[in-house]
Amino acid sequence: MNEKIAQIEKKMLKDLEEVKDLKSLEKVRIAYLGKKSMLAELMKSIKDLSPEKKREYGPLVNALRASMQDKIAQKNDYFEDNFNALSEWIDVTAPGQRVTRGHLHPLTIVQRDIEKIFTTMGFVIADGPEIETEFFNFDAVNMPDNHPARDMQDTFWIHAEKNVRHVLRTHTSNVQVRYMQEHTPPFRMIVPGRVFRQEATDASHEHTFHQFETLVVGKSISVANFLHIAESFFSQFFHAEIKIRVRPSYFPFVEPGFEFDISCTNCEGSGCSTCQRTGWIEVGGAGMVHQNVFLAAGYEKNKYTGFAWGFGLERLAMMRYKIDDIRHFHGGDIRFATQF
């Protein structure tokens, strides 16, 4: 009996050494621990032994079974922990799968660059609602009801609530009044944001676009302050020496008002097809804040002066990246976005 037990254990250890995967290990388990295994036959033969022999060989057979179960379990754990390494062949020289990474939209890149430049000059960044009341969008910026200036901005109106009409803001000037109501001059602030106008789209017009406005309020603020800040900003933004030119124009919330141009970034003012041989590129509007706007914000009339100016972010991005159609920014074509 002792010899038979030793033979079974020796054979099992040899078979375990030859096992290469979980499938062959299961065959070994069935062969040695199954219902018709060699160990099962050995345990059945014990019942025919004398009581003295049973007490002698019973513990040995049970110890053998426990040893077999433990060794098979260890082998099973080994294969489970190293299954992929043992069963799958990997070509370490093959190129890996490239993970697609997201990146910033060109408008976001331009806006962050603008914000960085202005904050280094001591400006704060303000924000406001895109769904605005008629008061802040029109009345407070010197465009009362029936004012002809409202015809310049085709508008998305929203149903009235408690006799208060709301609108998708047509400019970011609404934030200027909101900011002035909560702050006392002097201050310098900028307002980047999305605006909406009900107009036909083409290569240079969109119903949804972004504006960027600047407001400086204090005592004895003049156009000279605007010219200095504007030249400093555009020179930093385009990494070149930029000059500013102003032309008289009309905006209801400033008096006097003017359009401002910058020297052409393509030809440096010498004249090219980009600037139509003039050496100048129109960028936006500006002017000295109208005293009626200060009154709407709760300021005493003629106590403060200030200037406001703004431009379209898309236009600035088009100039920087040589983009020929404003509709690319919101078209959703990933081929456009991945270029930046």
Protein backbone atom coordinates (compact mmCIF):
# COMPACT_ATOMS: atom_id res chain seq x y z
CA MET A 1 0.00 0.00 0.00
CA ASN A 2 2.83 2.39 0.85
CA GLU A 3 4.47 1.65 -2.49
CA LYS A 4 1.22 2.27 -4.40
CA ILE A 5 0.69 5.62 -2.63
CA ALA A 6 4.27 6.68 -3.48
CA GLN A 7 3.81 5.64 -7.14
CA ILE A 8 0.58 7.67 -7.51
CA GLU A 9 2.19 10.78 -5.96
CA LYS A 10 5.31 10.46 -8.12
CA LYS A 11 3.27 10.06 -11.31
CA MET A 12 1.04 13.02 -10.43
CA LEU A 13 4.06 15.30 -9.83
CA LYS A 14 5.51 14.25 -13.20
CA ASP A 15 2.22 14.94 -15.00
CA LEU A 16 1.95 18.37 -13.32
CA GLU A 17 5.39 19.33 -14.60
CA GLU A 18 4.26 18.62 -18.16
CA VAL A 19 1.09 20.73 -17.87
CA LYS A 20 1.28 23.84 -20.12
CA ASP A 21 -2.19 25.37 -19.83
CA LEU A 22 -5.44 25.29 -17.87
CA LYS A 23 -7.04 22.77 -20.20
CA SER A 24 -4.38 20.13 -19.63
CA LEU A 25 -4.37 20.92 -15.91
CA GLU A 26 -8.07 20.07 -15.75
CA LYS A 27 -7.34 16.69 -17.31
CA VAL A 28 -4.75 15.98 -14.60
CA ARG A 29 -7.23 16.98 -11.89
CA ILE A 30 -9.86 14.60 -13.23
CA ALA A 31 -7.29 11.80 -13.58
CA TYR A 32 -6.15 12.05 -9.95
CA LEU A 33 -9.09 13.54 -8.06
CA GLY A 34 -12.11 12.60 -10.17
CA LYS A 35 -14.78 9.99 -9.30
CA LYS A 36 -13.01 7.35 -11.37
CA SER A 37 -9.45 8.46 -10.62
CA MET A 38 -6.58 6.35 -9.29
CA LEU A 39 -6.96 8.00 -5.91
CA ALA A 40 -10.69 7.17 -5.82
CA GLU A 41 -9.89 3.51 -6.54
CA LEU A 42 -7.28 3.52 -3.79
CA MET A 43 -9.73 4.94 -1.26
CA LYS A 44 -12.29 2.25 -2.17
CA SER A 45 -9.75 -0.48 -1.53
CA ILE A 46 -9.26 0.65 2.08
CA LYS A 47 -12.66 -0.70 3.08
CA ASP A 48 -11.38 -4.25 2.45
CA LEU A 49 -8.47 -3.85 4.88
CA SER A 50 -8.41 -4.93 8.49
CA PRO A 51 -9.18 -2.28 11.16
CA GLU A 52 -5.49 -2.01 12.00
CA LYS A 53 -4.54 -1.43 8.32
CA LYS A 54 -7.37 1.11 7.93
CA ARG A 55 -5.98 3.14 10.82
CA GLU A 56 -2.52 2.95 9.24
CA TYR A 57 -3.29 3.72 5.59
CA GLY A 58 -6.42 5.90 5.90
CA PRO A 59 -4.52 8.99 7.07
CA LEU A 60 -1.86 8.44 4.39
CA VAL A 61 -4.46 8.37 1.60
CA ASN A 62 -6.21 11.46 2.96
CA ALA A 63 -2.87 13.27 3.20
CA LEU A 64 -2.13 12.33 -0.42
CA ARG A 65 -5.50 13.70 -1.56
CA ALA A 66 -4.93 16.96 0.34
CA SER A 67 -1.43 17.27 -1.16
CA MET A 68 -2.81 16.68 -4.68
CA GLN A 69 -5.55 19.32 -4.23
CA ASP A 70 -3.04 21.87 -2.94
CA LYS A 71 -0.54 21.34 -5.79
CA ILE A 72 -3.24 21.47 -8.47
CA ALA A 73 -4.66 24.68 -6.91
CA GLN A 74 -1.21 26.29 -6.92
CA LYS A 75 -0.76 25.37 -10.57
CA ASN A 76 -4.19 26.75 -11.40
CA ASP A 77 -3.40 30.09 -9.69
CA TYR A 78 -0.16 30.31 -11.62
CA PHE A 79 -1.89 29.89 -14.96
CA GLU A 80 -4.63 32.40 -14.12
CA ASP A 81 -2.06 35.04 -13.12
CA ASN A 82 0.08 34.47 -16.20
CA PHE A 83 -2.51 33.31 -18.73
CA ASN A 84 -2.01 36.10 -21.28
CA ALA A 85 1.77 35.88 -21.13
CA LEU A 86 1.72 32.12 -21.63
CA SER A 87 -1.05 31.80 -24.23
CA GLU A 88 -0.80 34.94 -26.39
CA TRP A 89 2.08 35.89 -28.64
CA ILE A 90 2.83 39.59 -28.80
CA ASP A 91 4.85 41.26 -31.52
CA VAL A 92 6.66 43.94 -29.53
CA THR A 93 7.94 45.54 -32.77
CA ALA A 94 4.43 46.28 -34.09
CA PRO A 95 3.30 49.94 -33.88
CA GLY A 96 0.78 50.68 -31.14
CA GLN A 97 -2.70 52.02 -31.64
CA ARG A 98 -2.62 55.81 -31.62
CA VAL A 99 -4.87 57.42 -29.02
CA THR A 100 -6.80 60.39 -30.37
CA ARG A 101 -6.30 63.43 -28.16
CA GLY A 102 -8.60 66.41 -27.97
CA HIS A 103 -7.34 69.96 -28.26
CA LEU A 104 -8.56 73.52 -28.03
CA HIS A 105 -10.80 75.12 -30.64
CA PRO A 106 -9.14 78.05 -32.47
CA LEU A 107 -11.65 80.49 -30.93
CA THR A 108 -10.72 79.24 -27.46
CA ILE A 109 -7.03 79.64 -28.26
CA VAL A 110 -7.56 83.22 -29.44
CA GLN A 111 -9.78 84.11 -26.47
CA ARG A 112 -7.26 82.79 -23.95
CA ASP A 113 -4.44 84.70 -25.64
CA ILE A 114 -6.50 87.90 -25.49
CA GLU A 115 -7.40 87.37 -21.84
CA LYS A 116 -3.76 86.71 -20.96
CA ILE A 117 -2.61 89.94 -22.61
CA PHE A 118 -5.27 92.10 -20.96
CA THR A 119 -4.87 90.60 -17.48
CA THR A 120 -1.15 91.42 -17.62
CA MET A 121 -2.24 95.03 -18.22
CA GLY A 122 -4.39 95.04 -15.08
CA PHE A 123 -7.80 94.22 -16.58
CA VAL A 124 -10.36 91.91 -14.97
CA ILE A 125 -12.54 89.43 -16.89
CA ALA A 126 -16.31 89.83 -16.57
CA ASP A 127 -19.18 87.64 -17.76
CA GLY A 128 -22.94 87.92 -18.02
CA PRO A 129 -26.10 86.15 -19.23
CA GLU A 130 -26.63 85.25 -22.88
CA ILE A 131 -30.41 85.48 -22.40
CA GLU A 132 -30.83 89.13 -21.47
CA THR A 133 -33.63 91.53 -20.61
CA GLU A 134 -34.60 94.26 -23.03
CA PHE A 135 -33.38 96.85 -20.53
CA PHE A 136 -29.76 95.68 -20.32
CA ASN A 137 -29.47 94.72 -24.00
CA PHE A 138 -30.99 97.94 -25.41
CA ASP A 139 -32.36 100.56 -23.02
CA ALA A 140 -29.36 100.75 -20.68
CA VAL A 141 -26.93 101.20 -23.59
CA ASN A 142 -28.82 104.21 -24.94
CA MET A 143 -31.09 102.35 -27.37
CA PRO A 144 -34.63 102.95 -26.06
CA ASP A 145 -37.72 101.54 -27.73
CA ASN A 146 -38.28 102.84 -31.30
CA HIS A 147 -34.68 104.09 -31.46
CA PRO A 148 -33.41 103.67 -35.05
CA ALA A 149 -30.24 102.00 -33.76
CA ARG A 150 -32.27 98.89 -32.92
CA ASP A 151 -32.83 98.34 -36.62
CA MET A 152 -29.08 97.74 -36.94
CA GLN A 153 -29.37 94.52 -34.90
CA ASP A 154 -31.87 91.92 -36.08
CA THR A 155 -32.82 90.12 -32.93
CA PHE A 156 -33.98 86.77 -31.54
CA TRP A 157 -36.77 87.73 -29.14
CA ILE A 158 -38.00 85.39 -26.41
CA HIS A 159 -41.58 85.44 -25.03
CA ALA A 160 -42.26 87.99 -22.33
CA GLU A 161 -42.44 87.02 -18.66
CA LYS A 162 -44.46 89.36 -16.41
CA ASN A 163 -44.27 92.08 -19.07
CA VAL A 164 -40.44 91.83 -19.24
CA ARG A 165 -39.16 90.96 -22.69
CA HIS A 166 -36.04 88.85 -23.07
CA VAL A 167 -33.68 88.50 -25.98
CA LEU A 168 -30.65 86.49 -27.01
CA ARG A 169 -28.08 89.22 -26.47
CA THR A 170 -27.00 90.97 -29.64
CA HIS A 171 -23.70 92.18 -28.15
CA THR A 172 -21.68 91.87 -24.94
CA SER A 173 -22.33 95.52 -24.01
CA ASN A 174 -25.04 94.32 -21.62
CA VAL A 175 -22.29 93.11 -19.26
CA GLN A 176 -20.76 96.60 -19.14
CA VAL A 177 -23.86 98.04 -17.47
CA ARG A 178 -24.20 95.07 -15.11
CA TYR A 179 -20.55 95.43 -14.10
CA MET A 180 -20.85 99.19 -13.54
CA GLN A 181 -23.90 98.69 -11.30
CA GLU A 182 -21.78 96.55 -8.98
CA HIS A 183 -18.44 98.41 -9.09
CA THR A 184 -17.24 101.93 -8.44
CA PRO A 185 -14.65 103.49 -10.79
CA PRO A 186 -11.83 103.47 -11.53
CA PHE A 187 -11.68 100.04 -13.15
CA ARG A 188 -10.61 98.20 -16.28
CA MET A 189 -12.55 95.17 -17.49
CA ILE A 190 -12.96 92.95 -20.54
CA VAL A 191 -16.00 90.97 -21.67
CA PRO A 192 -15.53 87.99 -24.03
CA GLY A 193 -18.69 86.13 -24.98
CA ARG A 194 -21.11 84.64 -27.47
CA VAL A 195 -23.77 86.81 -29.13
CA PHE A 196 -26.68 86.16 -31.49
CA ARG A 197 -28.21 88.04 -34.42
CA GLN A 198 -30.92 86.98 -36.82
CA GLU A 199 -29.15 87.45 -40.11
CA ALA A 200 -28.30 85.44 -43.19
CA THR A 201 -25.01 83.59 -43.11
CA ASP A 202 -22.25 83.88 -45.65
CA ALA A 203 -18.45 83.80 -45.68
CA SER A 204 -18.24 86.83 -43.36
CA HIS A 205 -21.54 86.73 -41.39
CA GLU A 206 -22.99 84.27 -38.87
CA HIS A 207 -26.12 84.27 -36.69
CA THR A 208 -23.98 83.09 -33.74
CA PHE A 209 -20.53 84.55 -33.15
CA HIS A 210 -18.25 85.89 -30.42
CA GLN A 211 -17.45 89.44 -29.38
CA PHE A 212 -14.80 90.92 -27.16
CA GLU A 213 -15.36 94.26 -25.45
CA THR A 214 -13.16 96.44 -23.28
CA LEU A 215 -14.34 99.05 -20.81
CA VAL A 216 -12.15 101.55 -18.93
CA VAL A 217 -13.84 104.02 -16.58
CA GLY A 218 -12.37 106.65 -14.30
CA LYS A 219 -11.66 110.35 -14.23
CA SER A 220 -9.99 112.12 -17.16
CA ILE A 221 -10.03 109.00 -19.36
CA SER A 222 -9.49 110.04 -22.99
CA VAL A 223 -9.14 108.69 -26.52
CA ALA A 224 -5.37 108.82 -26.01
CA ASN A 225 -5.74 106.10 -23.36
CA PHE A 226 -7.67 103.96 -25.84
CA LEU A 227 -5.05 104.38 -28.56
CA HIS A 228 -2.21 103.41 -26.24
CA ILE A 229 -3.96 100.30 -24.87
CA ALA A 230 -5.17 99.21 -28.31
CA GLU A 231 -1.71 99.53 -29.87
CA SER A 232 -0.16 97.65 -26.95
CA PHE A 233 -2.69 94.84 -27.23
CA PHE A 234 -2.56 94.30 -31.00
CA SER A 235 1.22 94.48 -31.06
CA GLN A 236 1.42 91.72 -28.45
CA PHE A 237 -1.30 89.64 -30.11
CA PHE A 238 0.28 89.69 -33.58
CA HIS A 239 3.88 89.80 -32.31
CA ALA A 240 4.59 92.84 -34.48
CA GLU A 241 4.45 96.61 -34.24
CA ILE A 242 0.83 97.55 -34.96
CA LYS A 243 -0.50 101.06 -35.51
CA ILE A 244 -4.08 102.22 -34.88
CA ARG A 245 -6.18 104.54 -37.04
CA VAL A 246 -9.61 105.89 -36.03
CA ARG A 247 -12.44 107.09 -38.29
CA PRO A 248 -15.64 108.87 -37.15
CA SER A 249 -18.66 106.57 -36.89
CA TYR A 250 -21.91 106.17 -34.97
CA PHE A 251 -22.65 103.84 -32.07
CA PRO A 252 -25.54 104.75 -29.73
CA PHE A 253 -23.68 103.90 -26.53
CA VAL A 254 -20.61 106.09 -27.17
CA GLU A 255 -20.11 109.78 -27.97
CA PRO A 256 -17.98 110.45 -29.90
CA GLY A 257 -17.82 107.11 -31.69
CA PHE A 258 -15.40 105.82 -34.27
CA GLU A 259 -14.31 102.78 -36.23
CA PHE A 260 -10.73 101.75 -35.66
CA ASP A 261 -8.34 100.10 -38.09
CA ILE A 262 -5.01 98.42 -37.55
CA SER A 263 -2.03 98.45 -39.87
CA CYS A 264 -2.15 95.43 -42.17
CA THR A 265 -0.57 92.38 -40.53
CA ASN A 266 0.20 90.88 -43.93
CA CYS A 267 2.11 93.71 -45.60
CA GLU A 268 2.95 95.82 -42.52
CA GLY A 269 1.08 98.77 -43.99
CA SER A 270 2.71 98.89 -47.42
CA GLY A 271 -0.42 97.73 -49.26
CA CYS A 272 -1.51 94.29 -50.47
CA SER A 273 -4.60 92.34 -51.59
CA THR A 274 -5.53 91.58 -47.98
CA CYS A 275 -5.96 95.26 -47.10
CA GLN A 276 -7.11 96.21 -50.62
CA ARG A 277 -3.89 98.19 -51.14
CA THR A 278 -4.76 100.63 -48.34
CA GLY A 279 -2.34 99.36 -45.69
CA TRP A 280 -5.19 99.22 -43.12
CA ILE A 281 -7.63 96.54 -41.92
CA GLU A 282 -10.93 97.41 -40.25
CA VAL A 283 -11.24 95.63 -36.90
CA GLY A 284 -14.04 97.07 -34.74
CA GLY A 285 -15.79 99.98 -33.14
CA ALA A 286 -14.95 102.19 -30.16
CA GLY A 287 -15.69 105.51 -28.51
CA MET A 288 -16.11 107.43 -25.30
CA VAL A 289 -18.89 106.00 -23.14
CA HIS A 290 -22.14 107.97 -23.48
CA GLN A 291 -23.23 109.69 -20.28
CA ASN A 292 -26.69 108.11 -20.64
CA VAL A 293 -25.03 104.71 -20.16
CA PHE A 294 -23.43 105.96 -16.94
CA LEU A 295 -26.85 107.18 -15.77
CA ALA A 296 -28.39 103.76 -16.48
CA ALA A 297 -25.65 102.19 -14.36
CA GLY A 298 -26.45 104.54 -11.46
CA TYR A 299 -23.50 106.93 -11.84
CA GLU A 300 -23.77 110.68 -11.49
CA LYS A 301 -23.80 112.39 -14.88
CA ASN A 302 -20.47 113.91 -16.01
CA LYS A 303 -18.67 112.55 -12.93
CA TYR A 304 -16.75 109.89 -14.86
CA THR A 305 -15.41 109.37 -18.34
CA GLY A 306 -14.41 106.18 -20.04
CA PHE A 307 -13.94 104.41 -23.33
CA ALA A 308 -15.35 101.17 -24.69
CA TRP A 309 -14.23 99.20 -27.71
CA GLY A 310 -14.88 95.79 -29.16
CA PHE A 311 -14.38 93.43 -32.06
CA GLY A 312 -15.29 89.95 -33.23
CA LEU A 313 -13.18 87.03 -32.03
CA GLU A 314 -13.83 85.16 -35.27
CA ARG A 315 -12.45 88.08 -37.28
CA LEU A 316 -9.27 88.15 -35.23
CA ALA A 317 -8.87 84.37 -35.56
CA MET A 318 -9.42 84.62 -39.33
CA MET A 319 -6.68 87.22 -39.55
CA ARG A 320 -4.25 85.19 -37.45
CA TYR A 321 -4.85 81.80 -39.13
CA LYS A 322 -5.73 83.00 -42.66
CA ILE A 323 -9.26 81.50 -42.52
CA ASP A 324 -11.44 82.58 -45.45
CA ASP A 325 -14.93 81.57 -44.22
CA ILE A 326 -16.45 82.36 -40.81
CA ARG A 327 -18.80 79.37 -41.10
CA HIS A 328 -15.89 76.98 -40.53
CA PHE A 329 -15.79 77.89 -36.82
CA HIS A 330 -19.20 76.40 -36.04
CA GLY A 331 -19.56 73.94 -38.92
CA GLY A 332 -18.60 70.92 -36.81
CA ASP A 333 -16.09 69.59 -39.35
CA ILE A 334 -13.33 67.94 -37.31
CA ARG A 335 -10.91 68.34 -40.22
CA PHE A 336 -11.02 72.09 -39.64
CA ALA A 337 -10.56 71.95 -35.85
CA THR A 338 -7.63 69.51 -35.96
CA GLN A 339 -5.48 71.99 -37.89
CA PHE A 340 -4.87 74.16 -34.83
